[in-house]
Amino acid sequence: MAINKNHEFDDLLGTKCAIVEKNVSQDRADFLKPLLEFNGYTVVVAATPPPKAVPAVVEEAPAAPASYTIGVTDVSFSAVMAVFGRQLHTKDGHVVTLAYWQQKESVSNEEVPYYEKK
């Protein structure tokens, strides 16, 4: 059980993992997995199980989009601490910024710290 929402862990595919993000798309998983592996983490990506509650009437409901849970085997990992602690780097040597982590920017630009941006 997690102490707080920022440090969750669970078993993914039989491996104890710190949860990086839950219910992410395939594109998001494809972005995070190589980034975390480049930074030395062993990454586990598992399909998110379907909800336990089954609708009473099942009439050709559209298939739920596939979502994934991403975890790393280092159970002390916290995405919040890694990003704001400037511990993650891109392949080109830049520090991973919050905007880059959230995929709002395609290039990590650390010239101006996040707290000075307006």
PDB file of N, CA and C in Angstrom:
ATOM      1  N   MET A   1       0.849  -1.171   0.000  1.00  0.00           N
ATOM      2  CA  MET A   1       0.000   0.000   0.000  1.00  0.00           C
ATOM      3  C   MET A   1       0.894   1.232   0.000  1.00  0.00           C
ATOM      4  N   ALA A   2       0.490   2.224  -0.753  1.00  0.00           N
ATOM      5  CA  ALA A   2       1.272   3.446  -0.880  1.00  0.00           C
ATOM      6  C   ALA A   2       1.087   4.348   0.334  1.00  0.00           C
ATOM      7  N   ILE A   3       2.137   5.048   0.670  1.00  0.00           N
ATOM      8  CA  ILE A   3       2.061   6.023   1.744  1.00  0.00           C
ATOM      9  C   ILE A   3       1.249   7.223   1.273  1.00  0.00           C
ATOM     10  N   ASN A   4       1.491   7.636   0.051  1.00  0.00           N
ATOM     11  CA  ASN A   4       0.710   8.711  -0.545  1.00  0.00           C
ATOM     12  C   ASN A   4       0.566   8.448  -2.033  1.00  0.00           C
ATOM     13  N   LYS A   5      -0.188   9.270  -2.709  1.00  0.00           N
ATOM     14  CA  LYS A   5      -0.492   9.068  -4.127  1.00  0.00           C
ATOM     15  C   LYS A   5       0.751   9.203  -5.003  1.00  0.00           C
ATOM     16  N   ASN A   6       1.783   9.856  -4.524  1.00  0.00           N
ATOM     17  CA  ASN A   6       2.988  10.063  -5.321  1.00  0.00           C
ATOM     18  C   ASN A   6       3.949   8.885  -5.278  1.00  0.00           C
ATOM     19  N   HIS A   7       3.662   7.896  -4.450  1.00  0.00           N
ATOM     20  CA  HIS A   7       4.588   6.764  -4.345  1.00  0.00           C
ATOM     21  C   HIS A   7       3.788   5.460  -4.244  1.00  0.00           C
ATOM     22  N   GLU A   8       3.198   5.066  -5.358  1.00  0.00           N
ATOM     23  CA  GLU A   8       2.434   3.825  -5.393  1.00  0.00           C
ATOM     24  C   GLU A   8       3.316   2.705  -5.916  1.00  0.00           C
ATOM     25  N   PHE A   9       3.044   1.500  -5.476  1.00  0.00           N
ATOM     26  CA  PHE A   9       3.722   0.339  -6.028  1.00  0.00           C
ATOM     27  C   PHE A   9       2.755  -0.818  -6.072  1.00  0.00           C
ATOM     28  N   ASP A  10       3.046  -1.769  -6.968  1.00  0.00           N
ATOM     29  CA  ASP A  10       2.142  -2.891  -7.203  1.00  0.00           C
ATOM     30  C   ASP A  10       2.919  -3.980  -7.933  1.00  0.00           C
ATOM     31  N   ASP A  11       2.308  -5.159  -8.050  1.00  0.00           N
ATOM     32  CA  ASP A  11       2.899  -6.238  -8.836  1.00  0.00           C
ATOM     33  C   ASP A  11       2.445  -6.102 -10.274  1.00  0.00           C
ATOM     34  N   LEU A  12       3.397  -5.973 -11.201  1.00  0.00           N
ATOM     35  CA  LEU A  12       3.105  -5.924 -12.626  1.00  0.00           C
ATOM     36  C   LEU A  12       3.789  -7.108 -13.281  1.00  0.00           C
ATOM     37  N   LEU A  13       2.997  -7.966 -13.877  1.00  0.00           N
ATOM     38  CA  LEU A  13       3.516  -9.162 -14.546  1.00  0.00           C
ATOM     39  C   LEU A  13       4.409  -9.975 -13.618  1.00  0.00           C
ATOM     40  N   GLY A  14       4.035 -10.021 -12.335  1.00  0.00           N
ATOM     41  CA  GLY A  14       4.760 -10.824 -11.363  1.00  0.00           C
ATOM     42  C   GLY A  14       5.990 -10.156 -10.771  1.00  0.00           C
ATOM     43  N   THR A  15       6.211  -8.880 -11.060  1.00  0.00           N
ATOM     44  CA  THR A  15       7.368  -8.158 -10.553  1.00  0.00           C
ATOM     45  C   THR A  15       6.902  -6.986  -9.708  1.00  0.00           C
ATOM     46  N   LYS A  16       7.475  -6.820  -8.536  1.00  0.00           N
ATOM     47  CA  LYS A  16       7.148  -5.685  -7.675  1.00  0.00           C
ATOM     48  C   LYS A  16       7.707  -4.426  -8.318  1.00  0.00           C
ATOM     49  N   CYS A  17       6.832  -3.433  -8.553  1.00  0.00           N
ATOM     50  CA  CYS A  17       7.238  -2.220  -9.255  1.00  0.00           C
ATOM     51  C   CYS A  17       6.694  -0.970  -8.586  1.00  0.00           C
ATOM     52  N   ALA A  18       7.452   0.117  -8.689  1.00  0.00           N
ATOM     53  CA  ALA A  18       6.942   1.444  -8.347  1.00  0.00           C
ATOM     54  C   ALA A  18       6.147   1.899  -9.569  1.00  0.00           C
ATOM     55  N   ILE A  19       4.918   2.355  -9.345  1.00  0.00           N
ATOM     56  CA  ILE A  19       4.065   2.757 -10.456  1.00  0.00           C
ATOM     57  C   ILE A  19       4.471   4.153 -10.912  1.00  0.00           C
ATOM     58  N   VAL A  20       4.737   4.281 -12.214  1.00  0.00           N
ATOM     59  CA  VAL A  20       5.068   5.574 -12.798  1.00  0.00           C
ATOM     60  C   VAL A  20       3.780   6.276 -13.206  1.00  0.00           C
ATOM     61  N   GLU A  21       2.943   5.599 -14.001  1.00  0.00           N
ATOM     62  CA  GLU A  21       1.646   6.133 -14.413  1.00  0.00           C
ATOM     63  C   GLU A  21       0.700   4.978 -14.680  1.00  0.00           C
ATOM     64  N   LYS A  22      -0.592   5.247 -14.437  1.00  0.00           N
ATOM     65  CA  LYS A  22      -1.637   4.254 -14.700  1.00  0.00           C
ATOM     66  C   LYS A  22      -2.555   4.747 -15.811  1.00  0.00           C
ATOM     67  N   ASN A  23      -3.199   3.805 -16.476  1.00  0.00           N
ATOM     68  CA  ASN A  23      -4.193   4.101 -17.514  1.00  0.00           C
ATOM     69  C   ASN A  23      -3.655   5.032 -18.591  1.00  0.00           C
ATOM     70  N   VAL A  24      -2.497   4.709 -19.119  1.00  0.00           N
ATOM     71  CA  VAL A  24      -1.911   5.532 -20.179  1.00  0.00           C
ATOM     72  C   VAL A  24      -2.135   4.875 -21.528  1.00  0.00           C
ATOM     73  N   SER A  25      -2.081   5.679 -22.572  1.00  0.00           N
ATOM     74  CA  SER A  25      -2.262   5.178 -23.934  1.00  0.00           C
ATOM     75  C   SER A  25      -0.977   4.493 -24.413  1.00  0.00           C
ATOM     76  N   GLN A  26      -1.086   3.838 -25.551  1.00  0.00           N
ATOM     77  CA  GLN A  26       0.078   3.184 -26.148  1.00  0.00           C
ATOM     78  C   GLN A  26       1.139   4.223 -26.499  1.00  0.00           C
ATOM     79  N   ASP A  27       0.723   5.385 -27.006  1.00  0.00           N
ATOM     80  CA  ASP A  27       1.672   6.440 -27.360  1.00  0.00           C
ATOM     81  C   ASP A  27       2.452   6.921 -26.135  1.00  0.00           C
ATOM     82  N   ARG A  28       1.749   7.104 -25.024  1.00  0.00           N
ATOM     83  CA  ARG A  28       2.404   7.559 -23.791  1.00  0.00           C
ATOM     84  C   ARG A  28       3.384   6.494 -23.287  1.00  0.00           C
ATOM     85  N   ALA A  29       2.982   5.235 -23.353  1.00  0.00           N
ATOM     86  CA  ALA A  29       3.866   4.143 -22.938  1.00  0.00           C
ATOM     87  C   ALA A  29       5.104   4.093 -23.832  1.00  0.00           C
ATOM     88  N   ASP A  30       4.908   4.317 -25.132  1.00  0.00           N
ATOM     89  CA  ASP A  30       6.040   4.314 -26.065  1.00  0.00           C
ATOM     90  C   ASP A  30       6.982   5.491 -25.820  1.00  0.00           C
ATOM     91  N   PHE A  31       6.488   6.574 -25.239  1.00  0.00           N
ATOM     92  CA  PHE A  31       7.327   7.728 -24.900  1.00  0.00           C
ATOM     93  C   PHE A  31       8.102   7.469 -23.598  1.00  0.00           C
ATOM     94  N   LEU A  32       7.402   6.984 -22.574  1.00  0.00           N
ATOM     95  CA  LEU A  32       8.023   6.842 -21.248  1.00  0.00           C
ATOM     96  C   LEU A  32       9.010   5.684 -21.155  1.00  0.00           C
ATOM     97  N   LYS A  33       8.697   4.565 -21.792  1.00  0.00           N
ATOM     98  CA  LYS A  33       9.547   3.376 -21.649  1.00  0.00           C
ATOM     99  C   LYS A  33      10.993   3.640 -22.077  1.00  0.00           C
ATOM    100  N   PRO A  34      11.253   4.150 -23.288  1.00  0.00           N
ATOM    101  CA  PRO A  34      12.654   4.386 -23.646  1.00  0.00           C
ATOM    102  C   PRO A  34      13.321   5.484 -22.808  1.00  0.00           C
ATOM    103  N   LEU A  35      12.550   6.484 -22.394  1.00  0.00           N
ATOM    104  CA  LEU A  35      13.109   7.551 -21.567  1.00  0.00           C
ATOM    105  C   LEU A  35      13.594   6.997 -20.226  1.00  0.00           C
ATOM    106  N   LEU A  36      12.765   6.184 -19.594  1.00  0.00           N
ATOM    107  CA  LEU A  36      13.138   5.605 -18.303  1.00  0.00           C
ATOM    108  C   LEU A  36      14.264   4.581 -18.449  1.00  0.00           C
ATOM    109  N   GLU A  37      14.231   3.790 -19.523  1.00  0.00           N
ATOM    110  CA  GLU A  37      15.300   2.807 -19.745  1.00  0.00           C
ATOM    111  C   GLU A  37      16.631   3.505 -19.984  1.00  0.00           C
ATOM    112  N   PHE A  38      16.615   4.617 -20.714  1.00  0.00           N
ATOM    113  CA  PHE A  38      17.842   5.374 -20.948  1.00  0.00           C
ATOM    114  C   PHE A  38      18.441   5.854 -19.620  1.00  0.00           C
ATOM    115  N   ASN A  39      17.576   6.150 -18.653  1.00  0.00           N
ATOM    116  CA  ASN A  39      18.027   6.625 -17.340  1.00  0.00           C
ATOM    117  C   ASN A  39      18.355   5.489 -16.379  1.00  0.00           C
ATOM    118  N   GLY A  40      18.403   4.262 -16.881  1.00  0.00           N
ATOM    119  CA  GLY A  40      18.891   3.142 -16.085  1.00  0.00           C
ATOM    120  C   GLY A  40      17.842   2.347 -15.330  1.00  0.00           C
ATOM    121  N   TYR A  41      16.570   2.583 -15.594  1.00  0.00           N
ATOM    122  CA  TYR A  41      15.512   1.853 -14.894  1.00  0.00           C
ATOM    123  C   TYR A  41      15.054   0.665 -15.727  1.00  0.00           C
ATOM    124  N   THR A  42      14.683  -0.399 -15.037  1.00  0.00           N
ATOM    125  CA  THR A  42      14.062  -1.535 -15.702  1.00  0.00           C
ATOM    126  C   THR A  42      12.568  -1.273 -15.694  1.00  0.00           C
ATOM    127  N   VAL A  43      11.978  -1.163 -16.879  1.00  0.00           N
ATOM    128  CA  VAL A  43      10.587  -0.745 -17.034  1.00  0.00           C
ATOM    129  C   VAL A  43       9.705  -1.951 -17.316  1.00  0.00           C
ATOM    130  N   VAL A  44       8.540  -1.983 -16.668  1.00  0.00           N
ATOM    131  CA  VAL A  44       7.538  -3.018 -16.904  1.00  0.00           C
ATOM    132  C   VAL A  44       6.262  -2.313 -17.357  1.00  0.00           C
ATOM    133  N   VAL A  45       5.752  -2.707 -18.529  1.00  0.00           N
ATOM    134  CA  VAL A  45       4.507  -2.152 -19.054  1.00  0.00           C
ATOM    135  C   VAL A  45       3.498  -3.286 -19.100  1.00  0.00           C
ATOM    136  N   ALA A  46       2.383  -3.108 -18.399  1.00  0.00           N
ATOM    137  CA  ALA A  46       1.351  -4.140 -18.342  1.00  0.00           C
ATOM    138  C   ALA A  46       0.014  -3.534 -18.751  1.00  0.00           C
ATOM    139  N   ALA A  47      -0.793  -4.334 -19.426  1.00  0.00           N
ATOM    140  CA  ALA A  47      -2.132  -3.879 -19.795  1.00  0.00           C
ATOM    141  C   ALA A  47      -2.942  -3.658 -18.528  1.00  0.00           C
ATOM    142  N   THR A  48      -3.662  -2.545 -18.495  1.00  0.00           N
ATOM    143  CA  THR A  48      -4.516  -2.258 -17.351  1.00  0.00           C
ATOM    144  C   THR A  48      -5.702  -3.208 -17.398  1.00  0.00           C
ATOM    145  N   PRO A  49      -6.004  -3.882 -16.304  1.00  0.00           N
ATOM    146  CA  PRO A  49      -7.130  -4.812 -16.328  1.00  0.00           C
ATOM    147  C   PRO A  49      -8.452  -4.067 -16.522  1.00  0.00           C
ATOM    148  N   PRO A  50      -9.433  -4.733 -17.129  1.00  0.00           N
ATOM    149  CA  PRO A  50     -10.731  -4.079 -17.320  1.00  0.00           C
ATOM    150  C   PRO A  50     -11.401  -3.829 -15.974  1.00  0.00           C
ATOM    151  N   PRO A  51     -12.358  -2.903 -15.927  1.00  0.00           N
ATOM    152  CA  PRO A  51     -13.043  -2.642 -14.662  1.00  0.00           C
ATOM    153  C   PRO A  51     -13.756  -3.884 -14.167  1.00  0.00           C
ATOM    154  N   LYS A  52     -13.837  -4.017 -12.836  1.00  0.00           N
ATOM    155  CA  LYS A  52     -14.448  -5.209 -12.257  1.00  0.00           C
ATOM    156  C   LYS A  52     -15.958  -5.223 -12.424  1.00  0.00           C
ATOM    157  N   ALA A  53     -16.580  -4.064 -12.432  1.00  0.00           N
ATOM    158  CA  ALA A  53     -18.033  -3.996 -12.588  1.00  0.00           C
ATOM    159  C   ALA A  53     -18.396  -4.197 -14.053  1.00  0.00           C
ATOM    160  N   VAL A  54     -19.212  -5.187 -14.313  1.00  0.00           N
ATOM    161  CA  VAL A  54     -19.656  -5.479 -15.676  1.00  0.00           C
ATOM    162  C   VAL A  54     -21.051  -4.885 -15.849  1.00  0.00           C
ATOM    163  N   PRO A  55     -21.298  -4.170 -16.951  1.00  0.00           N
ATOM    164  CA  PRO A  55     -22.626  -3.612 -17.153  1.00  0.00           C
ATOM    165  C   PRO A  55     -23.682  -4.711 -17.220  1.00  0.00           C
ATOM    166  N   ALA A  56     -24.867  -4.406 -16.716  1.00  0.00           N
ATOM    167  CA  ALA A  56     -25.957  -5.386 -16.668  1.00  0.00           C
ATOM    168  C   ALA A  56     -26.365  -5.821 -18.065  1.00  0.00           C
ATOM    169  N   VAL A  57     -26.441  -4.883 -18.985  1.00  0.00           N
ATOM    170  CA  VAL A  57     -26.834  -5.198 -20.355  1.00  0.00           C
ATOM    171  C   VAL A  57     -25.631  -4.978 -21.253  1.00  0.00           C
ATOM    172  N   VAL A  58     -25.226  -6.045 -21.901  1.00  0.00           N
ATOM    173  CA  VAL A  58     -24.088  -5.944 -22.799  1.00  0.00           C
ATOM    174  C   VAL A  58     -24.608  -6.060 -24.219  1.00  0.00           C
ATOM    175  N   GLU A  59     -24.745  -4.924 -24.887  1.00  0.00           N
ATOM    176  CA  GLU A  59     -25.220  -4.899 -26.265  1.00  0.00           C
ATOM    177  C   GLU A  59     -24.149  -4.313 -27.153  1.00  0.00           C
ATOM    178  N   GLU A  60     -23.340  -5.101 -27.700  1.00  0.00           N
ATOM    179  CA  GLU A  60     -22.291  -4.681 -28.609  1.00  0.00           C
ATOM    180  C   GLU A  60     -21.685  -3.342 -28.208  1.00  0.00           C
ATOM    181  N   ALA A  61     -21.268  -3.290 -26.990  1.00  0.00           N
ATOM    182  CA  ALA A  61     -20.610  -2.083 -26.492  1.00  0.00           C
ATOM    183  C   ALA A  61     -19.281  -1.928 -27.211  1.00  0.00           C
ATOM    184  N   PRO A  62     -18.890  -0.693 -27.517  1.00  0.00           N
ATOM    185  CA  PRO A  62     -17.596  -0.518 -28.175  1.00  0.00           C
ATOM    186  C   PRO A  62     -16.476  -0.947 -27.234  1.00  0.00           C
ATOM    187  N   ALA A  63     -15.459  -1.535 -27.808  1.00  0.00           N
ATOM    188  CA  ALA A  63     -14.338  -2.007 -27.001  1.00  0.00           C
ATOM    189  C   ALA A  63     -13.641  -0.819 -26.350  1.00  0.00           C
ATOM    190  N   ALA A  64     -13.319  -0.984 -25.098  1.00  0.00           N
ATOM    191  CA  ALA A  64     -12.610   0.074 -24.377  1.00  0.00           C
ATOM    192  C   ALA A  64     -11.219   0.215 -24.973  1.00  0.00           C
ATOM    193  N   PRO A  65     -10.739   1.437 -25.097  1.00  0.00           N
ATOM    194  CA  PRO A  65      -9.397   1.603 -25.636  1.00  0.00           C
ATOM    195  C   PRO A  65      -8.375   0.964 -24.704  1.00  0.00           C
ATOM    196  N   ALA A  66      -7.353   0.404 -25.291  1.00  0.00           N
ATOM    197  CA  ALA A  66      -6.315  -0.257 -24.494  1.00  0.00           C
ATOM    198  C   ALA A  66      -5.582   0.777 -23.663  1.00  0.00           C
ATOM    199  N   SER A  67      -5.392   0.464 -22.400  1.00  0.00           N
ATOM    200  CA  SER A  67      -4.608   1.346 -21.538  1.00  0.00           C
ATOM    201  C   SER A  67      -3.592   0.491 -20.792  1.00  0.00           C
ATOM    202  N   TYR A  68      -2.544   1.146 -20.359  1.00  0.00           N
ATOM    203  CA  TYR A  68      -1.426   0.434 -19.767  1.00  0.00           C
ATOM    204  C   TYR A  68      -1.010   1.066 -18.444  1.00  0.00           C
ATOM    205  N   THR A  69      -0.382   0.245 -17.618  1.00  0.00           N
ATOM    206  CA  THR A  69       0.226   0.709 -16.383  1.00  0.00           C
ATOM    207  C   THR A  69       1.733   0.561 -16.563  1.00  0.00           C
ATOM    208  N   ILE A  70       2.453   1.627 -16.252  1.00  0.00           N
ATOM    209  CA  ILE A  70       3.905   1.623 -16.406  1.00  0.00           C
ATOM    210  C   ILE A  70       4.536   1.652 -15.020  1.00  0.00           C
ATOM    211  N   GLY A  71       5.493   0.759 -14.809  1.00  0.00           N
ATOM    212  CA  GLY A  71       6.194   0.715 -13.537  1.00  0.00           C
ATOM    213  C   GLY A  71       7.673   0.481 -13.750  1.00  0.00           C
ATOM    214  N   VAL A  72       8.451   0.751 -12.720  1.00  0.00           N
ATOM    215  CA  VAL A  72       9.885   0.458 -12.743  1.00  0.00           C
ATOM    216  C   VAL A  72      10.200  -0.444 -11.560  1.00  0.00           C
ATOM    217  N   THR A  73      11.190  -1.291 -11.714  1.00  0.00           N
ATOM    218  CA  THR A  73      11.499  -2.276 -10.678  1.00  0.00           C
ATOM    219  C   THR A  73      12.156  -1.654  -9.449  1.00  0.00           C
ATOM    220  N   ASP A  74      12.644  -0.438  -9.565  1.00  0.00           N
ATOM    221  CA  ASP A  74      13.205   0.277  -8.416  1.00  0.00           C
ATOM    222  C   ASP A  74      12.029   0.853  -7.626  1.00  0.00           C
ATOM    223  N   VAL A  75      11.655   0.184  -6.523  1.00  0.00           N
ATOM    224  CA  VAL A  75      10.459   0.583  -5.781  1.00  0.00           C
ATOM    225  C   VAL A  75      10.631   1.920  -5.056  1.00  0.00           C
ATOM    226  N   SER A  76      11.824   2.471  -5.037  1.00  0.00           N
ATOM    227  CA  SER A  76      12.010   3.784  -4.419  1.00  0.00           C
ATOM    228  C   SER A  76      11.779   4.914  -5.425  1.00  0.00           C
ATOM    229  N   PHE A  77      11.494   4.580  -6.686  1.00  0.00           N
ATOM    230  CA  PHE A  77      11.307   5.588  -7.725  1.00  0.00           C
ATOM    231  C   PHE A  77      10.018   6.374  -7.508  1.00  0.00           C
ATOM    232  N   SER A  78      10.096   7.676  -7.664  1.00  0.00           N
ATOM    233  CA  SER A  78       8.942   8.564  -7.641  1.00  0.00           C
ATOM    234  C   SER A  78       9.084   9.499  -8.828  1.00  0.00           C
ATOM    235  N   ALA A  79       8.095   9.500  -9.716  1.00  0.00           N
ATOM    236  CA  ALA A  79       8.156  10.347 -10.904  1.00  0.00           C
ATOM    237  C   ALA A  79       8.237  11.823 -10.522  1.00  0.00           C
ATOM    238  N   VAL A  80       7.507  12.218  -9.496  1.00  0.00           N
ATOM    239  CA  VAL A  80       7.517  13.614  -9.052  1.00  0.00           C
ATOM    240  C   VAL A  80       8.926  14.010  -8.603  1.00  0.00           C
ATOM    241  N   MET A  81       9.553  13.184  -7.790  1.00  0.00           N
ATOM    242  CA  MET A  81      10.898  13.484  -7.303  1.00  0.00           C
ATOM    243  C   MET A  81      11.920  13.448  -8.440  1.00  0.00           C
ATOM    244  N   ALA A  82      11.735  12.528  -9.380  1.00  0.00           N
ATOM    245  CA  ALA A  82      12.680  12.409 -10.488  1.00  0.00           C
ATOM    246  C   ALA A  82      12.635  13.630 -11.404  1.00  0.00           C
ATOM    247  N   VAL A  83      11.438  14.121 -11.701  1.00  0.00           N
ATOM    248  CA  VAL A  83      11.310  15.274 -12.602  1.00  0.00           C
ATOM    249  C   VAL A  83      11.731  16.558 -11.902  1.00  0.00           C
ATOM    250  N   PHE A  84      11.162  16.837 -10.732  1.00  0.00           N
ATOM    251  CA  PHE A  84      11.478  18.090 -10.053  1.00  0.00           C
ATOM    252  C   PHE A  84      12.862  18.068  -9.400  1.00  0.00           C
ATOM    253  N   GLY A  85      13.396  16.884  -9.146  1.00  0.00           N
ATOM    254  CA  GLY A  85      14.755  16.773  -8.629  1.00  0.00           C
ATOM    255  C   GLY A  85      15.793  16.768  -9.732  1.00  0.00           C
ATOM    256  N   ARG A  86      15.342  16.906 -10.983  1.00  0.00           N
ATOM    257  CA  ARG A  86      16.213  16.991 -12.157  1.00  0.00           C
ATOM    258  C   ARG A  86      17.117  15.760 -12.273  1.00  0.00           C
ATOM    259  N   GLN A  87      16.564  14.586 -12.000  1.00  0.00           N
ATOM    260  CA  GLN A  87      17.334  13.348 -12.021  1.00  0.00           C
ATOM    261  C   GLN A  87      17.273  12.627 -13.353  1.00  0.00           C
ATOM    262  N   LEU A  88      16.322  12.972 -14.204  1.00  0.00           N
ATOM    263  CA  LEU A  88      16.167  12.300 -15.492  1.00  0.00           C
ATOM    264  C   LEU A  88      16.772  13.151 -16.607  1.00  0.00           C
ATOM    265  N   HIS A  89      17.351  12.472 -17.596  1.00  0.00           N
ATOM    266  CA  HIS A  89      17.962  13.160 -18.726  1.00  0.00           C
ATOM    267  C   HIS A  89      17.471  12.559 -20.035  1.00  0.00           C
ATOM    268  N   THR A  90      17.467  13.383 -21.083  1.00  0.00           N
ATOM    269  CA  THR A  90      17.111  12.908 -22.416  1.00  0.00           C
ATOM    270  C   THR A  90      18.362  12.332 -23.066  1.00  0.00           C
ATOM    271  N   LYS A  91      18.185  11.684 -24.217  1.00  0.00           N
ATOM    272  CA  LYS A  91      19.330  11.087 -24.904  1.00  0.00           C
ATOM    273  C   LYS A  91      20.329  12.126 -25.375  1.00  0.00           C
ATOM    274  N   ASP A  92      19.859  13.361 -25.601  1.00  0.00           N
ATOM    275  CA  ASP A  92      20.779  14.411 -26.039  1.00  0.00           C
ATOM    276  C   ASP A  92      21.415  15.166 -24.876  1.00  0.00           C
ATOM    277  N   GLY A  93      21.226  14.678 -23.640  1.00  0.00           N
ATOM    278  CA  GLY A  93      21.924  15.225 -22.481  1.00  0.00           C
ATOM    279  C   GLY A  93      21.203  16.315 -21.719  1.00  0.00           C
ATOM    280  N   HIS A  94      19.999  16.695 -22.126  1.00  0.00           N
ATOM    281  CA  HIS A  94      19.260  17.729 -21.405  1.00  0.00           C
ATOM    282  C   HIS A  94      18.506  17.118 -20.231  1.00  0.00           C
ATOM    283  N   VAL A  95      18.265  17.942 -19.218  1.00  0.00           N
ATOM    284  CA  VAL A  95      17.472  17.529 -18.064  1.00  0.00           C
ATOM    285  C   VAL A  95      16.007  17.479 -18.496  1.00  0.00           C
ATOM    286  N   VAL A  96      15.285  16.446 -18.067  1.00  0.00           N
ATOM    287  CA  VAL A  96      13.866  16.316 -18.391  1.00  0.00           C
ATOM    288  C   VAL A  96      13.083  17.356 -17.588  1.00  0.00           C
ATOM    289  N   THR A  97      12.397  18.227 -18.309  1.00  0.00           N
ATOM    290  CA  THR A  97      11.569  19.245 -17.664  1.00  0.00           C
ATOM    291  C   THR A  97      10.142  18.721 -17.513  1.00  0.00           C
ATOM    292  N   LEU A  98       9.344  19.423 -16.725  1.00  0.00           N
ATOM    293  CA  LEU A  98       7.957  19.021 -16.543  1.00  0.00           C
ATOM    294  C   LEU A  98       7.204  19.052 -17.867  1.00  0.00           C
ATOM    295  N   ALA A  99       7.424  20.075 -18.670  1.00  0.00           N
ATOM    296  CA  ALA A  99       6.735  20.175 -19.964  1.00  0.00           C
ATOM    297  C   ALA A  99       7.126  19.020 -20.886  1.00  0.00           C
ATOM    298  N   TYR A 100       8.385  18.625 -20.857  1.00  0.00           N
ATOM    299  CA  TYR A 100       8.827  17.491 -21.673  1.00  0.00           C
ATOM    300  C   TYR A 100       8.202  16.190 -21.153  1.00  0.00           C
ATOM    301  N   TRP A 101       8.189  16.004 -19.836  1.00  0.00           N
ATOM    302  CA  TRP A 101       7.599  14.809 -19.232  1.00  0.00           C
ATOM    303  C   TRP A 101       6.125  14.683 -19.599  1.00  0.00           C
ATOM    304  N   GLN A 102       5.417  15.814 -19.599  1.00  0.00           N
ATOM    305  CA  GLN A 102       3.996  15.812 -19.934  1.00  0.00           C
ATOM    306  C   GLN A 102       3.754  15.832 -21.435  1.00  0.00           C
ATOM    307  N   GLN A 103       4.807  15.813 -22.224  1.00  0.00           N
ATOM    308  CA  GLN A 103       4.777  15.821 -23.685  1.00  0.00           C
ATOM    309  C   GLN A 103       4.129  17.091 -24.241  1.00  0.00           C
ATOM    310  N   LYS A 104       4.299  18.199 -23.539  1.00  0.00           N
ATOM    311  CA  LYS A 104       3.833  19.484 -24.041  1.00  0.00           C
ATOM    312  C   LYS A 104       4.892  20.135 -24.924  1.00  0.00           C
ATOM    313  N   GLU A 105       6.142  19.732 -24.748  1.00  0.00           N
ATOM    314  CA  GLU A 105       7.250  20.194 -25.569  1.00  0.00           C
ATOM    315  C   GLU A 105       7.961  18.967 -26.121  1.00  0.00           C
ATOM    316  N   SER A 106       8.404  19.064 -27.379  1.00  0.00           N
ATOM    317  CA  SER A 106       9.082  17.919 -27.984  1.00  0.00           C
ATOM    318  C   SER A 106      10.575  17.910 -27.672  1.00  0.00           C
ATOM    319  N   VAL A 107      11.089  19.032 -27.173  1.00  0.00           N
ATOM    320  CA  VAL A 107      12.495  19.133 -26.804  1.00  0.00           C
ATOM    321  C   VAL A 107      12.564  19.657 -25.374  1.00  0.00           C
ATOM    322  N   SER A 108      13.413  19.032 -24.573  1.00  0.00           N
ATOM    323  CA  SER A 108      13.576  19.476 -23.190  1.00  0.00           C
ATOM    324  C   SER A 108      14.471  20.703 -23.170  1.00  0.00           C
ATOM    325  N   ASN A 109      13.893  21.855 -22.816  1.00  0.00           N
ATOM    326  CA  ASN A 109      14.638  23.105 -22.788  1.00  0.00           C
ATOM    327  C   ASN A 109      14.792  23.548 -21.341  1.00  0.00           C
ATOM    328  N   GLU A 110      15.973  23.399 -20.818  1.00  0.00           N
ATOM    329  CA  GLU A 110      16.222  23.727 -19.413  1.00  0.00           C
ATOM    330  C   GLU A 110      16.821  25.115 -19.231  1.00  0.00           C
ATOM    331  N   GLU A 111      16.807  25.922 -20.264  1.00  0.00           N
ATOM    332  CA  GLU A 111      17.393  27.256 -20.191  1.00  0.00           C
ATOM    333  C   GLU A 111      16.774  28.075 -19.059  1.00  0.00           C
ATOM    334  N   VAL A 112      15.450  28.090 -18.976  1.00  0.00           N
ATOM    335  CA  VAL A 112      14.755  28.860 -17.953  1.00  0.00           C
ATOM    336  C   VAL A 112      14.047  27.868 -17.034  1.00  0.00           C
ATOM    337  N   PRO A 113      14.334  27.874 -15.733  1.00  0.00           N
ATOM    338  CA  PRO A 113      13.666  26.951 -14.814  1.00  0.00           C
ATOM    339  C   PRO A 113      12.153  27.162 -14.819  1.00  0.00           C
ATOM    340  N   TYR A 114      11.410  26.102 -14.517  1.00  0.00           N
ATOM    341  CA  TYR A 114       9.954  26.152 -14.553  1.00  0.00           C
ATOM    342  C   TYR A 114       9.378  27.243 -13.658  1.00  0.00           C
ATOM    343  N   TYR A 115      10.035  27.549 -12.539  1.00  0.00           N
ATOM    344  CA  TYR A 115       9.490  28.508 -11.592  1.00  0.00           C
ATOM    345  C   TYR A 115       9.724  29.956 -12.043  1.00  0.00           C
ATOM    346  N   GLU A 116      10.540  30.171 -13.075  1.00  0.00           N
ATOM    347  CA  GLU A 116      10.742  31.523 -13.592  1.00  0.00           C
ATOM    348  C   GLU A 116       9.924  31.776 -14.847  1.00  0.00           C
ATOM    349  N   LYS A 117       9.303  30.743 -15.414  1.00  0.00           N
ATOM    350  CA  LYS A 117       8.489  30.926 -16.617  1.00  0.00           C
ATOM    351  C   LYS A 117       7.197  31.604 -16.248  1.00  0.00           C
ATOM    352  N   LYS A 118       6.725  32.451 -17.123  1.00  0.00           N
ATOM    353  CA  LYS A 118       5.483  33.169 -16.852  1.00  0.00           C
ATOM    354  C   LYS A 118       4.377  32.670 -17.719  1.00  0.00           C
TER     355      LYS A 118
END
